[in-house]
Amino acid sequence: MTKGIVITGTDTGIGKTVFSAGLAGLLDGFYWKPVQSGLDEETDSETVTRLSGLPAGRVLPEVYRLKTPLSPHRSAEIDGVAIEAAKLSLPDLPGPLIIEGAGGVMVPLNRQTRFIDIFREWQLPVILCARTALGTINHTLLSIEALRARGIPLIGVALIGEEMADSQRTIAEFGNVRQLGRLPYLDPLTSKTLREAMVAGFDLSPIGRGQ
């Protein structure tokens, strides 16, 4: 089992926090979102605390908590904060760490650094979350190319949404990438229903091997 897994997405608001909560719970691991933009509603760390079933203390505090729900670089500028990449060093933990990025792979942290630059430094394997909705083929294939161009190990793609068999097949074939499974939209969304959907919908055996 790898010591850390990065969860990133093709876009914002696609459900990668819910997937991260389910994965962290299944692995009985830790969760960390180093940069949170937007504090008015439930934060991603609070969502994971509610849905993962992890014991207290397994959801690590953010390094940066920014008020405005925008790209981190702009939210930090509005808050008068300078995001320093050097402060995003990996914690040493006794179990697997699920790290969630903000938005998509190219989201800027500041005017010099994007999340994908941090992923390259970390050299941890990545799971790419993607919607099944219209537009997912283009966004997903571009994200796969960007990760591979930088030598970032890619475990596979996690699809989120309703069944779209052709889109899923097309991504797998053109991207030459593993499909780890699909997480449907859940109603109700609870720790129990999420865990059941993760167990039923995903093959997590490739975790630790990368691609």
Protein backbone atom coordinates (compact mmCIF):
# COMPACT_ATOMS: atom_id res chain seq x y z
CA MET A 1 0.00 0.00 0.00
CA THR A 2 1.34 3.39 -0.97
CA LYS A 3 1.85 5.92 1.83
CA GLY A 4 -0.06 8.65 0.02
CA ILE A 5 -2.56 9.11 -2.81
CA VAL A 6 -3.44 12.39 -4.47
CA ILE A 7 -7.06 12.90 -5.50
CA THR A 8 -7.46 15.52 -8.20
CA GLY A 9 -10.12 16.31 -10.74
CA THR A 10 -10.83 17.50 -14.24
CA ASP A 11 -12.78 20.46 -12.84
CA THR A 12 -14.26 21.84 -9.65
CA GLY A 13 -17.46 20.60 -8.06
CA ILE A 14 -17.36 17.15 -9.62
CA GLY A 15 -17.60 15.11 -6.41
CA LYS A 16 -13.96 14.38 -5.64
CA THR A 17 -14.45 15.30 -1.97
CA VAL A 18 -17.15 12.65 -1.61
CA PHE A 19 -14.91 10.14 -3.41
CA SER A 20 -12.00 11.13 -1.13
CA ALA A 21 -14.17 10.57 1.94
CA GLY A 22 -15.19 7.13 0.72
CA LEU A 23 -11.63 6.13 -0.16
CA ALA A 24 -10.14 7.38 3.10
CA GLY A 25 -12.79 5.45 5.01
CA LEU A 26 -12.24 2.22 3.08
CA LEU A 27 -8.46 2.43 3.56
CA ASP A 28 -8.85 3.39 7.24
CA GLY A 29 -6.39 6.15 6.48
CA PHE A 30 -5.96 9.90 6.88
CA TYR A 31 -7.34 12.81 4.86
CA TRP A 32 -5.69 16.15 4.10
CA LYS A 33 -6.81 19.06 1.96
CA PRO A 34 -3.87 21.48 2.24
CA VAL A 35 -5.69 24.47 0.72
CA GLN A 36 -9.37 25.27 1.27
CA SER A 37 -11.02 28.11 -0.63
CA GLY A 38 -14.42 29.13 0.71
CA LEU A 39 -15.46 28.94 4.35
CA ASP A 40 -19.11 30.06 4.35
CA GLU A 41 -20.54 26.58 3.79
CA GLU A 42 -19.38 23.16 4.97
CA THR A 43 -15.69 22.84 4.11
CA ASP A 44 -14.32 19.77 2.35
CA SER A 45 -12.58 18.63 5.53
CA GLU A 46 -15.88 18.88 7.40
CA THR A 47 -17.61 16.90 4.66
CA VAL A 48 -14.99 14.17 4.90
CA THR A 49 -15.29 14.11 8.69
CA ARG A 50 -19.05 13.59 8.30
CA LEU A 51 -18.93 10.97 5.54
CA SER A 52 -15.73 8.98 5.94
CA GLY A 53 -16.35 7.31 9.27
CA LEU A 54 -12.73 8.03 10.22
CA PRO A 55 -11.85 8.33 13.91
CA ALA A 56 -11.24 11.77 15.39
CA GLY A 57 -7.88 13.21 14.39
CA ARG A 58 -7.65 11.40 11.05
CA VAL A 59 -8.80 14.48 9.12
CA LEU A 60 -5.79 16.80 9.19
CA PRO A 61 -6.12 20.59 9.40
CA GLU A 62 -5.62 22.67 6.28
CA VAL A 63 -2.43 24.68 5.86
CA TYR A 64 -4.36 27.52 4.23
CA ARG A 65 -8.02 28.39 4.92
CA LEU A 66 -9.18 31.08 2.48
CA LYS A 67 -12.51 32.87 2.74
CA THR A 68 -13.51 33.40 -0.89
CA PRO A 69 -14.67 30.39 -3.00
CA LEU A 70 -12.35 31.09 -5.93
CA SER A 71 -9.17 29.58 -7.32
CA PRO A 72 -6.67 29.50 -4.43
CA HIS A 73 -4.32 32.01 -6.02
CA ARG A 74 -7.05 34.64 -6.30
CA SER A 75 -8.71 33.80 -2.99
CA ALA A 76 -5.34 34.21 -1.26
CA GLU A 77 -4.75 37.57 -2.92
CA ILE A 78 -8.16 38.82 -1.73
CA ASP A 79 -7.38 37.61 1.80
CA GLY A 80 -3.91 39.18 1.73
CA VAL A 81 -2.26 35.77 2.10
CA ALA A 82 0.77 34.45 0.23
CA ILE A 83 0.56 30.72 -0.45
CA GLU A 84 4.05 29.27 -0.14
CA ALA A 85 4.62 25.94 -1.87
CA ALA A 86 7.38 25.09 0.60
CA LYS A 87 4.78 24.93 3.39
CA LEU A 88 2.92 22.11 1.63
CA SER A 89 5.34 19.42 2.71
CA LEU A 90 3.99 15.92 3.17
CA PRO A 91 3.20 14.88 6.76
CA ASP A 92 4.70 11.67 8.12
CA LEU A 93 1.82 9.43 9.18
CA PRO A 94 1.40 5.79 10.25
CA GLY A 95 -1.15 4.99 7.55
CA PRO A 96 -2.23 5.88 4.01
CA LEU A 97 -2.90 9.57 3.42
CA ILE A 98 -5.57 10.76 0.98
CA ILE A 99 -4.63 14.24 -0.26
CA GLU A 100 -7.25 16.28 -2.09
CA GLY A 101 -6.27 19.09 -4.41
CA ALA A 102 -8.48 22.08 -5.17
CA GLY A 103 -10.37 21.94 -8.47
CA GLY A 104 -8.53 20.59 -11.50
CA VAL A 105 -4.92 19.65 -12.06
CA MET A 106 -3.89 23.07 -13.42
CA VAL A 107 -5.42 25.20 -10.65
CA PRO A 108 -2.94 27.92 -9.55
CA LEU A 109 -1.80 28.21 -5.95
CA ASN A 110 -0.05 31.51 -6.60
CA ARG A 111 1.22 33.40 -9.65
CA GLN A 112 4.13 30.97 -10.09
CA THR A 113 2.89 27.56 -8.94
CA ARG A 114 0.00 25.28 -9.90
CA PHE A 115 -1.20 22.19 -8.07
CA ILE A 116 0.27 19.98 -10.80
CA ASP A 117 3.71 21.43 -9.97
CA ILE A 118 3.25 20.32 -6.36
CA PHE A 119 2.09 16.88 -7.49
CA ARG A 120 5.28 16.52 -9.54
CA GLU A 121 7.39 17.37 -6.49
CA TRP A 122 5.53 14.93 -4.28
CA GLN A 123 5.72 12.07 -6.82
CA LEU A 124 2.76 10.35 -5.20
CA PRO A 125 0.35 8.33 -7.31
CA VAL A 126 -2.75 10.17 -8.49
CA ILE A 127 -6.39 9.21 -8.94
CA LEU A 128 -8.17 11.50 -11.41
CA CYS A 129 -11.85 12.10 -10.70
CA ALA A 130 -14.07 12.96 -13.68
CA ARG A 131 -17.74 13.56 -14.31
CA THR A 132 -19.62 11.22 -16.60
CA ALA A 133 -21.50 14.22 -18.08
CA LEU A 134 -21.03 15.92 -21.45
CA GLY A 135 -17.52 17.31 -21.92
CA THR A 136 -15.83 14.71 -19.77
CA ILE A 137 -13.90 13.07 -22.64
CA ASN A 138 -12.02 16.24 -23.55
CA HIS A 139 -11.36 17.37 -19.97
CA THR A 140 -10.26 13.93 -18.82
CA LEU A 141 -7.93 13.19 -21.73
CA LEU A 142 -6.27 16.62 -21.38
CA SER A 143 -5.75 16.06 -17.65
CA ILE A 144 -4.26 12.61 -18.28
CA GLU A 145 -1.82 14.05 -20.81
CA ALA A 146 -0.80 16.85 -18.45
CA LEU A 147 -0.07 14.42 -15.61
CA ARG A 148 1.90 12.00 -17.79
CA ALA A 149 3.89 14.78 -19.45
CA ARG A 150 5.28 15.62 -16.01
CA GLY A 151 6.03 12.03 -15.01
CA ILE A 152 3.33 11.95 -12.34
CA PRO A 153 2.21 8.36 -11.66
CA LEU A 154 -1.47 7.83 -12.49
CA ILE A 155 -3.35 5.01 -10.81
CA GLY A 156 -6.50 5.50 -12.86
CA VAL A 157 -9.72 7.40 -13.36
CA ALA A 158 -12.67 7.44 -10.96
CA LEU A 159 -15.92 8.33 -12.71
CA ILE A 160 -18.64 10.20 -10.82
CA GLY A 161 -22.25 10.43 -11.98
CA GLU A 162 -24.76 8.43 -13.97
CA GLU A 163 -23.76 5.58 -16.26
CA MET A 164 -22.36 6.83 -19.61
CA ALA A 165 -20.92 3.66 -21.10
CA ASP A 166 -19.52 5.13 -24.31
CA SER A 167 -17.80 8.06 -22.58
CA GLN A 168 -16.25 5.67 -20.08
CA ARG A 169 -15.05 3.34 -22.84
CA THR A 170 -13.69 6.21 -24.92
CA ILE A 171 -11.68 7.64 -22.02
CA ALA A 172 -10.23 4.23 -21.24
CA GLU A 173 -9.24 3.55 -24.86
CA PHE A 174 -7.88 6.95 -25.91
CA GLY A 175 -6.32 7.62 -22.51
CA ASN A 176 -4.90 4.11 -22.13
CA VAL A 177 -5.90 4.40 -18.50
CA ARG A 178 -7.48 2.19 -15.89
CA GLN A 179 -11.08 2.81 -14.96
CA LEU A 180 -11.23 2.21 -11.24
CA GLY A 181 -15.01 2.38 -11.17
CA ARG A 182 -17.95 4.73 -10.95
CA LEU A 183 -19.57 6.48 -8.01
CA PRO A 184 -23.24 7.33 -8.70
CA TYR A 185 -24.95 10.32 -7.16
CA LEU A 186 -26.33 9.11 -3.83
CA ASP A 187 -29.61 10.09 -2.21
CA PRO A 188 -29.40 9.96 0.70
CA LEU A 189 -25.67 10.60 0.95
CA THR A 190 -24.51 9.19 4.25
CA SER A 191 -21.41 7.46 5.55
CA LYS A 192 -23.21 4.13 5.17
CA THR A 193 -24.50 4.65 1.61
CA LEU A 194 -21.13 6.03 0.51
CA ARG A 195 -19.22 3.07 1.87
CA GLU A 196 -21.64 0.63 0.22
CA ALA A 197 -21.33 2.44 -3.14
CA MET A 198 -17.54 2.48 -2.95
CA VAL A 199 -17.37 -1.24 -2.20
CA ALA A 200 -19.82 -2.07 -4.98
CA GLY A 201 -18.50 0.35 -7.59
CA PHE A 202 -14.70 0.30 -7.40
CA ASP A 203 -11.79 -2.03 -7.91
CA LEU A 204 -9.10 -0.55 -5.69
CA SER A 205 -6.54 -3.31 -6.23
CA PRO A 206 -4.39 -1.08 -8.52
CA ILE A 207 -3.71 1.31 -5.63
CA GLY A 208 -0.01 1.26 -4.88
CA ARG A 209 1.05 0.31 -8.40
CA GLY A 210 0.49 3.57 -10.26
CA GLN A 211 0.71 3.63 -14.04
